[in-house]
N, C-alpha and C. Protein backbone atom coordinates (compact mmCIF):
# COMPACT_ATOMS: atom_id res chain seq x y z
N MET A 1 -5.65 -4.10 31.00
CA MET A 1 -6.37 -4.65 29.88
C MET A 1 -7.11 -5.91 30.32
N GLY A 2 -8.31 -6.07 29.78
CA GLY A 2 -9.09 -7.26 30.06
C GLY A 2 -8.64 -8.40 29.17
N LYS A 3 -9.22 -9.58 29.35
CA LYS A 3 -8.86 -10.74 28.54
C LYS A 3 -9.19 -10.51 27.07
N ASP A 4 -10.21 -9.69 26.81
CA ASP A 4 -10.61 -9.44 25.43
C ASP A 4 -9.81 -8.32 24.78
N GLY A 5 -8.83 -7.76 25.48
CA GLY A 5 -7.98 -6.72 24.94
C GLY A 5 -8.49 -5.31 25.16
N ARG A 6 -9.72 -5.19 25.73
CA ARG A 6 -10.25 -3.85 26.00
C ARG A 6 -9.70 -3.33 27.31
N SER A 7 -9.62 -2.02 27.40
CA SER A 7 -9.13 -1.39 28.62
C SER A 7 -10.15 -1.54 29.73
N ASN A 8 -9.70 -1.88 30.90
CA ASN A 8 -10.57 -2.05 32.05
C ASN A 8 -10.18 -0.98 33.06
N LYS A 9 -10.73 0.23 32.91
CA LYS A 9 -10.29 1.39 33.68
C LYS A 9 -10.40 1.18 35.18
N ARG A 10 -11.56 0.70 35.62
CA ARG A 10 -11.72 0.56 37.07
C ARG A 10 -10.79 -0.49 37.65
N SER A 11 -10.68 -1.63 36.98
CA SER A 11 -9.79 -2.67 37.49
C SER A 11 -8.35 -2.18 37.54
N GLU A 12 -7.93 -1.46 36.50
CA GLU A 12 -6.58 -0.91 36.49
C GLU A 12 -6.42 0.13 37.59
N ALA A 13 -7.47 0.87 37.85
CA ALA A 13 -7.39 1.91 38.88
C ALA A 13 -7.24 1.32 40.27
N TYR A 14 -7.77 0.13 40.49
CA TYR A 14 -7.68 -0.48 41.80
C TYR A 14 -6.35 -1.18 42.05
N ASP A 15 -5.45 -1.15 41.07
CA ASP A 15 -4.18 -1.84 41.21
C ASP A 15 -3.26 -1.20 42.23
N SER A 16 -3.41 0.08 42.48
CA SER A 16 -2.52 0.72 43.45
C SER A 16 -3.33 1.37 44.57
N LYS A 17 -2.68 1.51 45.70
CA LYS A 17 -3.33 2.12 46.86
C LYS A 17 -3.68 3.59 46.59
N GLU A 18 -2.79 4.28 45.90
CA GLU A 18 -3.04 5.69 45.58
C GLU A 18 -4.24 5.83 44.64
N ALA A 19 -4.36 4.93 43.70
CA ALA A 19 -5.49 4.97 42.76
C ALA A 19 -6.80 4.72 43.48
N ARG A 20 -6.79 3.77 44.45
CA ARG A 20 -8.01 3.51 45.23
C ARG A 20 -8.40 4.73 46.04
N LYS A 21 -7.41 5.38 46.64
CA LYS A 21 -7.69 6.61 47.40
C LYS A 21 -8.29 7.68 46.50
N ALA A 22 -7.74 7.83 45.30
CA ALA A 22 -8.23 8.83 44.36
C ALA A 22 -9.68 8.55 43.96
N MET A 23 -10.01 7.27 43.78
CA MET A 23 -11.38 6.92 43.40
C MET A 23 -12.36 7.19 44.55
N VAL A 24 -11.95 6.87 45.75
CA VAL A 24 -12.80 7.15 46.92
C VAL A 24 -12.97 8.65 47.07
N SER A 25 -11.88 9.38 46.89
CA SER A 25 -11.94 10.84 46.98
C SER A 25 -12.89 11.41 45.93
N ALA A 26 -12.81 10.90 44.71
CA ALA A 26 -13.71 11.37 43.63
C ALA A 26 -15.16 11.05 43.98
N SER A 27 -15.39 9.90 44.57
CA SER A 27 -16.75 9.51 44.97
C SER A 27 -17.30 10.47 46.03
N ILE A 28 -16.45 10.83 46.99
CA ILE A 28 -16.87 11.75 48.05
C ILE A 28 -17.13 13.14 47.47
N ARG A 29 -16.24 13.61 46.60
CA ARG A 29 -16.45 14.92 45.99
C ARG A 29 -17.74 14.97 45.18
N ALA A 30 -18.02 13.89 44.44
CA ALA A 30 -19.26 13.82 43.65
C ALA A 30 -20.48 13.85 44.56
N ALA A 31 -20.45 13.09 45.64
CA ALA A 31 -21.58 13.06 46.57
C ALA A 31 -21.81 14.42 47.21
N LYS A 32 -20.70 15.09 47.59
CA LYS A 32 -20.82 16.43 48.19
C LYS A 32 -21.42 17.42 47.19
N GLU A 33 -20.96 17.35 45.95
CA GLU A 33 -21.46 18.26 44.93
C GLU A 33 -22.96 18.03 44.67
N MET A 34 -23.36 16.77 44.69
CA MET A 34 -24.78 16.47 44.49
C MET A 34 -25.62 16.97 45.66
N ALA A 35 -25.09 16.79 46.86
CA ALA A 35 -25.83 17.23 48.05
C ALA A 35 -25.95 18.76 48.09
N GLU A 36 -25.02 19.46 47.46
CA GLU A 36 -25.03 20.93 47.47
C GLU A 36 -25.89 21.54 46.35
N LEU A 37 -26.49 20.71 45.51
CA LEU A 37 -27.37 21.25 44.47
C LEU A 37 -28.55 21.96 45.13
N PRO A 38 -29.09 23.01 44.49
CA PRO A 38 -30.18 23.76 45.11
C PRO A 38 -31.40 22.87 45.37
N LYS A 39 -32.01 23.04 46.52
CA LYS A 39 -33.18 22.25 46.91
C LYS A 39 -34.44 23.05 46.66
N ASN A 40 -35.52 22.32 46.44
CA ASN A 40 -36.82 22.94 46.23
C ASN A 40 -37.81 22.16 47.07
N ALA A 41 -38.38 22.80 48.09
CA ALA A 41 -39.31 22.12 48.98
C ALA A 41 -40.56 21.64 48.24
N ASP A 42 -40.87 22.26 47.13
CA ASP A 42 -42.07 21.93 46.36
C ASP A 42 -41.72 21.05 45.15
N TRP A 43 -40.68 20.20 45.28
CA TRP A 43 -40.18 19.44 44.14
C TRP A 43 -41.17 18.42 43.61
N LEU A 44 -42.12 17.95 44.43
CA LEU A 44 -43.09 16.97 43.97
C LEU A 44 -44.02 17.54 42.88
N ARG A 45 -44.14 18.85 42.84
CA ARG A 45 -45.03 19.48 41.86
C ARG A 45 -44.27 20.14 40.70
N ASN A 46 -42.93 20.09 40.77
CA ASN A 46 -42.13 20.83 39.81
C ASN A 46 -41.30 19.87 38.94
N GLY A 47 -41.88 19.42 37.84
CA GLY A 47 -41.21 18.48 36.96
C GLY A 47 -39.97 19.06 36.30
N GLU A 48 -39.99 20.35 36.01
CA GLU A 48 -38.85 21.01 35.38
C GLU A 48 -37.64 21.01 36.32
N TYR A 49 -37.90 21.26 37.60
CA TYR A 49 -36.82 21.26 38.61
C TYR A 49 -36.20 19.87 38.70
N VAL A 50 -37.04 18.84 38.78
CA VAL A 50 -36.52 17.47 38.91
C VAL A 50 -35.74 17.07 37.65
N ALA A 51 -36.23 17.43 36.48
CA ALA A 51 -35.52 17.12 35.24
C ALA A 51 -34.14 17.80 35.22
N THR A 52 -34.07 19.04 35.72
CA THR A 52 -32.80 19.76 35.80
C THR A 52 -31.85 19.07 36.78
N ILE A 53 -32.38 18.65 37.92
CA ILE A 53 -31.56 17.95 38.92
C ILE A 53 -31.02 16.65 38.33
N VAL A 54 -31.85 15.93 37.60
CA VAL A 54 -31.42 14.68 36.97
C VAL A 54 -30.24 14.96 36.03
N LYS A 55 -30.35 15.99 35.21
CA LYS A 55 -29.26 16.34 34.29
C LYS A 55 -27.98 16.69 35.04
N HIS A 56 -28.11 17.45 36.15
CA HIS A 56 -26.93 17.81 36.95
C HIS A 56 -26.29 16.58 37.57
N VAL A 57 -27.11 15.68 38.10
CA VAL A 57 -26.57 14.47 38.75
C VAL A 57 -25.83 13.61 37.72
N LEU A 58 -26.43 13.44 36.55
CA LEU A 58 -25.77 12.64 35.51
C LEU A 58 -24.46 13.30 35.06
N SER A 59 -24.45 14.61 34.97
CA SER A 59 -23.24 15.34 34.61
C SER A 59 -22.15 15.15 35.66
N ILE A 60 -22.53 15.25 36.92
CA ILE A 60 -21.56 15.07 38.02
C ILE A 60 -21.01 13.65 38.01
N CYS A 61 -21.89 12.66 37.82
CA CYS A 61 -21.44 11.26 37.78
C CYS A 61 -20.44 11.05 36.65
N GLU A 62 -20.75 11.62 35.50
CA GLU A 62 -19.84 11.47 34.36
C GLU A 62 -18.50 12.15 34.63
N ARG A 63 -18.54 13.34 35.21
CA ARG A 63 -17.31 14.09 35.48
C ARG A 63 -16.40 13.35 36.46
N TYR A 64 -16.98 12.70 37.48
CA TYR A 64 -16.18 12.02 38.50
C TYR A 64 -16.04 10.51 38.25
N GLY A 65 -16.56 10.03 37.12
CA GLY A 65 -16.42 8.61 36.80
C GLY A 65 -17.23 7.71 37.71
N GLN A 66 -18.39 8.16 38.14
CA GLN A 66 -19.23 7.40 39.05
C GLN A 66 -20.43 6.82 38.30
N LEU A 67 -20.89 5.65 38.74
CA LEU A 67 -22.14 5.12 38.21
C LEU A 67 -23.29 5.89 38.87
N PRO A 68 -24.27 6.32 38.10
CA PRO A 68 -25.41 6.99 38.73
C PRO A 68 -26.21 5.97 39.55
N THR A 69 -26.66 6.39 40.71
CA THR A 69 -27.45 5.51 41.57
C THR A 69 -28.66 6.26 42.11
N VAL A 70 -29.57 5.50 42.67
CA VAL A 70 -30.76 6.08 43.29
C VAL A 70 -30.35 6.96 44.47
N THR A 71 -29.31 6.57 45.17
CA THR A 71 -28.82 7.36 46.29
C THR A 71 -28.39 8.75 45.83
N HIS A 72 -27.77 8.83 44.66
CA HIS A 72 -27.34 10.13 44.14
C HIS A 72 -28.53 11.07 43.93
N ILE A 73 -29.57 10.60 43.26
CA ILE A 73 -30.70 11.49 42.98
C ILE A 73 -31.43 11.86 44.26
N ALA A 74 -31.53 10.92 45.19
CA ALA A 74 -32.19 11.22 46.47
C ALA A 74 -31.41 12.29 47.22
N ALA A 75 -30.07 12.17 47.24
CA ALA A 75 -29.25 13.18 47.91
C ALA A 75 -29.39 14.53 47.24
N ALA A 76 -29.44 14.53 45.91
CA ALA A 76 -29.57 15.80 45.18
C ALA A 76 -30.92 16.46 45.45
N LEU A 77 -31.96 15.66 45.64
CA LEU A 77 -33.28 16.20 45.95
C LEU A 77 -33.44 16.53 47.44
N GLY A 78 -32.52 16.01 48.25
CA GLY A 78 -32.57 16.25 49.70
C GLY A 78 -33.60 15.39 50.41
N VAL A 79 -33.84 14.18 49.88
CA VAL A 79 -34.81 13.27 50.49
C VAL A 79 -34.18 11.90 50.66
N PRO A 80 -34.74 11.07 51.54
CA PRO A 80 -34.24 9.68 51.65
C PRO A 80 -34.56 8.89 50.38
N ARG A 81 -33.81 7.82 50.16
CA ARG A 81 -34.05 6.96 48.99
C ARG A 81 -35.46 6.41 48.98
N GLU A 82 -35.98 6.11 50.16
CA GLU A 82 -37.33 5.53 50.26
C GLU A 82 -38.39 6.49 49.71
N VAL A 83 -38.20 7.78 49.94
CA VAL A 83 -39.14 8.78 49.43
C VAL A 83 -39.06 8.82 47.90
N GLU A 84 -37.84 8.81 47.37
CA GLU A 84 -37.66 8.80 45.91
C GLU A 84 -38.35 7.57 45.32
N TYR A 85 -38.18 6.43 45.96
CA TYR A 85 -38.81 5.18 45.51
C TYR A 85 -40.33 5.31 45.51
N ASP A 86 -40.89 5.81 46.60
CA ASP A 86 -42.35 5.95 46.70
C ASP A 86 -42.90 6.88 45.62
N VAL A 87 -42.18 7.95 45.32
CA VAL A 87 -42.63 8.89 44.28
C VAL A 87 -42.52 8.20 42.91
N ARG A 88 -41.39 7.57 42.65
CA ARG A 88 -41.17 6.92 41.35
C ARG A 88 -42.19 5.81 41.10
N MET A 89 -42.56 5.10 42.14
CA MET A 89 -43.51 3.99 42.00
C MET A 89 -44.97 4.46 42.01
N GLY A 90 -45.20 5.75 42.29
CA GLY A 90 -46.57 6.27 42.28
C GLY A 90 -47.31 6.12 43.58
N TYR A 91 -46.59 5.78 44.66
CA TYR A 91 -47.24 5.63 45.97
C TYR A 91 -47.51 6.98 46.61
N VAL A 92 -46.81 8.00 46.14
CA VAL A 92 -46.98 9.37 46.63
C VAL A 92 -47.48 10.20 45.46
N THR A 93 -48.47 11.02 45.70
CA THR A 93 -49.00 11.87 44.63
C THR A 93 -47.97 12.92 44.25
N ALA A 94 -47.65 12.94 42.96
CA ALA A 94 -46.66 13.90 42.44
C ALA A 94 -47.04 14.25 41.02
N ASN A 95 -46.47 15.34 40.55
CA ASN A 95 -46.65 15.77 39.17
C ASN A 95 -46.18 14.64 38.25
N PRO A 96 -46.93 14.29 37.21
CA PRO A 96 -46.51 13.22 36.29
C PRO A 96 -45.13 13.46 35.67
N ASP A 97 -44.76 14.74 35.48
CA ASP A 97 -43.43 15.04 34.95
C ASP A 97 -42.33 14.65 35.92
N VAL A 98 -42.60 14.79 37.21
CA VAL A 98 -41.63 14.39 38.24
C VAL A 98 -41.44 12.88 38.20
N VAL A 99 -42.56 12.16 38.17
CA VAL A 99 -42.50 10.69 38.13
C VAL A 99 -41.76 10.24 36.87
N ALA A 100 -42.08 10.85 35.73
CA ALA A 100 -41.42 10.48 34.47
C ALA A 100 -39.91 10.74 34.53
N ALA A 101 -39.51 11.87 35.09
CA ALA A 101 -38.08 12.20 35.19
C ALA A 101 -37.35 11.19 36.09
N LEU A 102 -37.98 10.81 37.21
CA LEU A 102 -37.36 9.84 38.11
C LEU A 102 -37.29 8.45 37.47
N GLN A 103 -38.34 8.07 36.74
CA GLN A 103 -38.32 6.77 36.07
C GLN A 103 -37.26 6.74 34.97
N GLU A 104 -37.12 7.84 34.25
CA GLU A 104 -36.09 7.92 33.22
C GLU A 104 -34.69 7.82 33.85
N TYR A 105 -34.49 8.52 34.96
CA TYR A 105 -33.21 8.45 35.67
C TYR A 105 -32.92 7.02 36.13
N TYR A 106 -33.94 6.37 36.67
CA TYR A 106 -33.81 4.99 37.14
C TYR A 106 -33.40 4.06 36.00
N THR A 107 -34.00 4.25 34.84
CA THR A 107 -33.66 3.44 33.67
C THR A 107 -32.22 3.69 33.24
N ILE A 108 -31.78 4.93 33.29
CA ILE A 108 -30.39 5.26 32.97
C ILE A 108 -29.45 4.59 33.97
N CYS A 109 -29.81 4.63 35.25
CA CYS A 109 -28.98 3.97 36.28
C CYS A 109 -28.85 2.48 35.99
N GLU A 110 -29.97 1.83 35.67
CA GLU A 110 -29.96 0.40 35.38
C GLU A 110 -29.09 0.10 34.15
N SER A 111 -29.29 0.86 33.09
CA SER A 111 -28.51 0.66 31.86
C SER A 111 -27.02 0.85 32.10
N ALA A 112 -26.68 1.87 32.87
CA ALA A 112 -25.26 2.13 33.17
C ALA A 112 -24.67 0.99 34.00
N THR A 113 -25.45 0.46 34.94
CA THR A 113 -24.96 -0.64 35.77
C THR A 113 -24.75 -1.90 34.93
N VAL A 114 -25.70 -2.20 34.05
CA VAL A 114 -25.56 -3.37 33.18
C VAL A 114 -24.33 -3.21 32.29
N ALA A 115 -24.20 -2.06 31.63
CA ALA A 115 -23.07 -1.83 30.73
C ALA A 115 -21.74 -1.90 31.47
N SER A 116 -21.69 -1.28 32.64
CA SER A 116 -20.45 -1.27 33.42
C SER A 116 -20.08 -2.66 33.92
N THR A 117 -21.08 -3.45 34.27
CA THR A 117 -20.83 -4.82 34.73
C THR A 117 -20.34 -5.68 33.58
N LEU A 118 -20.93 -5.52 32.42
CA LEU A 118 -20.56 -6.35 31.27
C LEU A 118 -19.19 -6.00 30.71
N ASP A 119 -18.81 -4.71 30.70
CA ASP A 119 -17.52 -4.34 30.11
C ASP A 119 -16.39 -4.31 31.12
N GLY A 120 -16.66 -4.68 32.35
CA GLY A 120 -15.60 -4.76 33.35
C GLY A 120 -15.32 -3.47 34.08
N GLY A 121 -16.14 -2.44 33.87
CA GLY A 121 -15.94 -1.17 34.56
C GLY A 121 -16.29 -1.27 36.03
N THR A 122 -17.14 -2.20 36.38
CA THR A 122 -17.53 -2.46 37.77
C THR A 122 -17.11 -3.88 38.10
N ASN A 123 -16.75 -4.10 39.34
CA ASN A 123 -16.50 -5.46 39.79
C ASN A 123 -17.75 -6.28 39.44
N ASN A 124 -17.57 -7.39 38.74
CA ASN A 124 -18.73 -8.16 38.28
C ASN A 124 -19.64 -8.60 39.41
N ILE A 125 -19.07 -9.02 40.51
CA ILE A 125 -19.88 -9.48 41.64
C ILE A 125 -20.68 -8.32 42.22
N ALA A 126 -20.05 -7.17 42.37
CA ALA A 126 -20.76 -6.00 42.87
C ALA A 126 -21.84 -5.56 41.89
N GLY A 127 -21.54 -5.60 40.59
CA GLY A 127 -22.52 -5.23 39.58
C GLY A 127 -23.72 -6.16 39.59
N ILE A 128 -23.48 -7.45 39.70
CA ILE A 128 -24.57 -8.42 39.75
C ILE A 128 -25.40 -8.21 41.01
N PHE A 129 -24.73 -7.95 42.13
CA PHE A 129 -25.45 -7.68 43.38
C PHE A 129 -26.34 -6.45 43.23
N MET A 130 -25.80 -5.38 42.64
CA MET A 130 -26.60 -4.16 42.44
C MET A 130 -27.80 -4.44 41.55
N LEU A 131 -27.60 -5.19 40.49
CA LEU A 131 -28.70 -5.49 39.58
C LEU A 131 -29.79 -6.31 40.28
N LYS A 132 -29.39 -7.21 41.15
CA LYS A 132 -30.38 -8.02 41.87
C LYS A 132 -31.07 -7.21 42.95
N SER A 133 -30.29 -6.45 43.73
CA SER A 133 -30.88 -5.77 44.88
C SER A 133 -31.64 -4.50 44.51
N GLN A 134 -31.17 -3.76 43.51
CA GLN A 134 -31.80 -2.49 43.18
C GLN A 134 -32.70 -2.54 41.96
N TYR A 135 -32.46 -3.49 41.07
CA TYR A 135 -33.21 -3.48 39.82
C TYR A 135 -34.05 -4.74 39.60
N GLY A 136 -34.11 -5.61 40.58
CA GLY A 136 -35.01 -6.75 40.51
C GLY A 136 -34.58 -7.91 39.63
N TYR A 137 -33.32 -7.94 39.23
CA TYR A 137 -32.85 -9.07 38.43
C TYR A 137 -32.84 -10.32 39.29
N LYS A 138 -33.10 -11.48 38.67
CA LYS A 138 -33.15 -12.74 39.41
C LYS A 138 -32.41 -13.82 38.64
N GLU A 139 -31.89 -14.75 39.41
CA GLU A 139 -31.34 -15.96 38.83
C GLU A 139 -32.28 -17.07 39.22
N GLU A 140 -32.89 -17.69 38.23
CA GLU A 140 -33.79 -18.79 38.52
C GLU A 140 -33.28 -20.02 37.80
N PRO A 141 -33.36 -21.16 38.48
CA PRO A 141 -32.91 -22.38 37.80
C PRO A 141 -33.84 -22.69 36.63
N ARG A 142 -33.25 -23.19 35.57
CA ARG A 142 -34.05 -23.58 34.42
C ARG A 142 -34.75 -24.89 34.73
N GLU A 143 -36.00 -24.96 34.39
CA GLU A 143 -36.76 -26.18 34.61
C GLU A 143 -36.80 -26.94 33.29
N VAL A 144 -36.31 -28.17 33.32
CA VAL A 144 -36.28 -28.99 32.13
C VAL A 144 -37.15 -30.22 32.39
N VAL A 145 -38.13 -30.42 31.55
CA VAL A 145 -39.00 -31.58 31.67
C VAL A 145 -38.60 -32.57 30.61
N VAL A 146 -38.24 -33.77 31.05
CA VAL A 146 -37.80 -34.80 30.12
C VAL A 146 -38.81 -35.93 30.15
N THR A 147 -39.33 -36.28 29.00
CA THR A 147 -40.19 -37.44 28.88
C THR A 147 -39.58 -38.35 27.82
N HIS A 148 -39.69 -39.64 28.03
CA HIS A 148 -39.02 -40.57 27.13
C HIS A 148 -39.53 -40.46 25.69
N ASN A 149 -40.79 -40.19 25.51
CA ASN A 149 -41.33 -40.10 24.15
C ASN A 149 -40.79 -38.87 23.42
N LYS A 150 -40.57 -37.78 24.12
CA LYS A 150 -40.12 -36.55 23.46
C LYS A 150 -38.62 -36.55 23.22
N LEU A 151 -37.86 -37.02 24.20
CA LEU A 151 -36.40 -36.94 24.11
C LEU A 151 -35.84 -37.90 23.06
N LEU A 152 -36.32 -39.15 23.06
CA LEU A 152 -35.75 -40.16 22.19
C LEU A 152 -36.64 -40.48 20.99
N GLY A 153 -37.68 -39.74 20.80
CA GLY A 153 -38.61 -40.04 19.71
C GLY A 153 -39.73 -40.94 20.21
N GLU A 154 -40.49 -41.44 19.28
CA GLU A 154 -41.60 -42.32 19.67
C GLU A 154 -41.07 -43.66 20.16
N ARG A 155 -41.82 -44.29 21.04
CA ARG A 155 -41.42 -45.57 21.59
C ARG A 155 -41.49 -46.64 20.50
N LYS A 156 -40.46 -47.44 20.39
CA LYS A 156 -40.38 -48.48 19.36
C LYS A 156 -40.64 -49.85 19.98
N ASP A 157 -41.08 -50.72 19.14
CA ASP A 157 -41.33 -52.09 19.56
C ASP A 157 -39.98 -52.78 19.78
N PRO A 158 -39.78 -53.42 20.92
CA PRO A 158 -38.49 -54.07 21.19
C PRO A 158 -38.12 -55.13 20.15
N LYS A 159 -39.12 -55.84 19.61
CA LYS A 159 -38.83 -56.86 18.59
C LYS A 159 -38.31 -56.21 17.31
N ALA A 160 -38.88 -55.04 16.95
CA ALA A 160 -38.42 -54.34 15.75
C ALA A 160 -36.99 -53.85 15.92
N ILE A 161 -36.67 -53.39 17.13
CA ILE A 161 -35.30 -52.94 17.41
C ILE A 161 -34.34 -54.11 17.31
N ALA A 162 -34.73 -55.27 17.90
CA ALA A 162 -33.88 -56.46 17.86
C ALA A 162 -33.66 -56.91 16.43
N ALA A 163 -34.70 -56.85 15.62
CA ALA A 163 -34.58 -57.27 14.22
C ALA A 163 -33.65 -56.33 13.46
N ARG A 164 -33.75 -55.04 13.73
CA ARG A 164 -32.90 -54.07 13.05
C ARG A 164 -31.43 -54.31 13.41
N TYR A 165 -31.15 -54.57 14.70
CA TYR A 165 -29.78 -54.85 15.10
C TYR A 165 -29.30 -56.18 14.54
N ALA A 166 -30.20 -57.14 14.43
CA ALA A 166 -29.82 -58.44 13.88
C ALA A 166 -29.38 -58.30 12.43
N GLU A 167 -30.04 -57.43 11.69
CA GLU A 167 -29.66 -57.20 10.30
C GLU A 167 -28.31 -56.50 10.20
N ALA A 168 -28.02 -55.63 11.13
CA ALA A 168 -26.80 -54.84 11.07
C ALA A 168 -25.59 -55.58 11.59
N MET A 169 -25.81 -56.59 12.40
CA MET A 169 -24.69 -57.28 13.03
C MET A 169 -24.58 -58.70 12.49
N VAL A 170 -23.38 -59.22 12.49
CA VAL A 170 -23.17 -60.61 12.10
C VAL A 170 -23.17 -61.40 13.40
N ILE A 171 -24.28 -62.11 13.61
CA ILE A 171 -24.39 -62.91 14.83
C ILE A 171 -24.98 -64.26 14.47
N ASP A 172 -24.92 -65.17 15.38
CA ASP A 172 -25.45 -66.51 15.20
C ASP A 172 -26.97 -66.44 15.14
N SER A 173 -27.57 -67.13 14.23
CA SER A 173 -29.02 -67.11 14.06
C SER A 173 -29.74 -67.63 15.31
N ALA A 174 -29.08 -68.43 16.11
CA ALA A 174 -29.69 -68.95 17.34
C ALA A 174 -29.92 -67.82 18.33
N GLU A 175 -29.02 -66.86 18.34
CA GLU A 175 -29.19 -65.72 19.24
C GLU A 175 -30.40 -64.89 18.84
N VAL A 176 -30.59 -64.66 17.56
CA VAL A 176 -31.72 -63.89 17.07
C VAL A 176 -33.01 -64.62 17.43
N LYS A 177 -32.99 -65.93 17.24
CA LYS A 177 -34.18 -66.73 17.55
C LYS A 177 -34.51 -66.62 19.04
N ALA A 178 -33.52 -66.60 19.90
CA ALA A 178 -33.74 -66.49 21.35
C ALA A 178 -34.35 -65.14 21.70
N ILE A 179 -33.98 -64.10 21.00
CA ILE A 179 -34.52 -62.77 21.26
C ILE A 179 -35.96 -62.68 20.76
N GLU A 180 -36.22 -63.24 19.58
CA GLU A 180 -37.53 -63.10 18.98
C GLU A 180 -38.59 -63.95 19.67
N GLU A 181 -38.19 -65.09 20.18
CA GLU A 181 -39.16 -65.98 20.79
C GLU A 181 -39.38 -65.62 22.24
N LYS A 182 -40.64 -65.73 22.63
CA LYS A 182 -40.97 -65.53 24.03
C LYS A 182 -40.91 -66.89 24.73
N PRO A 183 -40.43 -66.96 25.91
CA PRO A 183 -40.38 -68.25 26.60
C PRO A 183 -41.80 -68.75 26.92
N GLU A 184 -41.99 -70.05 26.70
CA GLU A 184 -43.30 -70.62 26.97
C GLU A 184 -43.38 -71.26 28.34
N ASP A 185 -42.26 -71.39 29.03
CA ASP A 185 -42.26 -72.06 30.33
C ASP A 185 -42.58 -71.13 31.49
N GLY A 186 -42.95 -69.85 31.21
CA GLY A 186 -43.33 -68.93 32.28
C GLY A 186 -42.17 -68.12 32.83
N THR A 187 -40.96 -68.37 32.38
CA THR A 187 -39.84 -67.58 32.87
C THR A 187 -39.77 -66.27 32.10
N GLU A 188 -39.19 -65.30 32.72
CA GLU A 188 -39.00 -64.00 32.08
C GLU A 188 -37.84 -64.10 31.09
N GLU A 189 -37.85 -63.22 30.12
CA GLU A 189 -36.76 -63.20 29.15
C GLU A 189 -35.43 -62.96 29.83
N SER A 190 -35.43 -62.15 30.88
CA SER A 190 -34.18 -61.85 31.57
C SER A 190 -33.63 -63.05 32.31
N ASP A 191 -34.51 -64.04 32.59
CA ASP A 191 -34.05 -65.26 33.28
C ASP A 191 -33.45 -66.27 32.30
N LYS A 192 -33.71 -66.08 31.02
CA LYS A 192 -33.26 -67.01 30.01
C LYS A 192 -31.76 -66.85 29.78
N VAL A 193 -31.06 -67.93 29.67
CA VAL A 193 -29.61 -67.93 29.44
C VAL A 193 -29.37 -68.49 28.05
N THR A 194 -28.67 -67.77 27.24
CA THR A 194 -28.33 -68.21 25.91
C THR A 194 -26.91 -68.75 25.93
N GLU A 195 -26.73 -69.92 25.41
CA GLU A 195 -25.41 -70.51 25.37
C GLU A 195 -24.78 -70.18 24.02
N TYR A 196 -23.53 -69.84 24.07
CA TYR A 196 -22.81 -69.49 22.85
C TYR A 196 -21.78 -70.56 22.57
N ASP A 197 -21.65 -70.87 21.29
CA ASP A 197 -20.60 -71.79 20.87
C ASP A 197 -19.50 -70.99 20.22
N PHE A 198 -18.32 -71.07 20.78
CA PHE A 198 -17.18 -70.36 20.21
C PHE A 198 -16.13 -71.29 19.76
């Protein structure tokens, strides 16, 4: 169980050595089954074939508890991932139905990865890595611009501020007079020393 009380199947499955072996075995069986799907040398022109392969791959992934990936569809089509990418991105001329089926599959893969990462079905670090490396997600620092006029309001006159504090506080009138008056001897206000009688 996760902290939120929901079942975390994958995390629970990794708790024992036998469970890890079973998951790896299921992954291998799923990959073999996908690789054994019928191939069509003319798949770039056959949108119906590619749509059928997509359905089979998603079915196999669901049956074996695997996240669908680009590697799965490439293996099922019998091509490298790079070829699948080039077709999906339109770098290779293909039937529009083929491109649409691959783009739809890619969107399903992304959605499944996001959902699995958020609900704890995938190791969060691995899920975030997959989202960044395969789906273009980025972490960018937020840029915050702070200007004194915007953050604290409009700039106020220092004498008005001093007068407002003088009204709110019980202080000696000599202190207020020292703040309000500018020195005439050329010294800065910060150089002026106010003597207090206690």
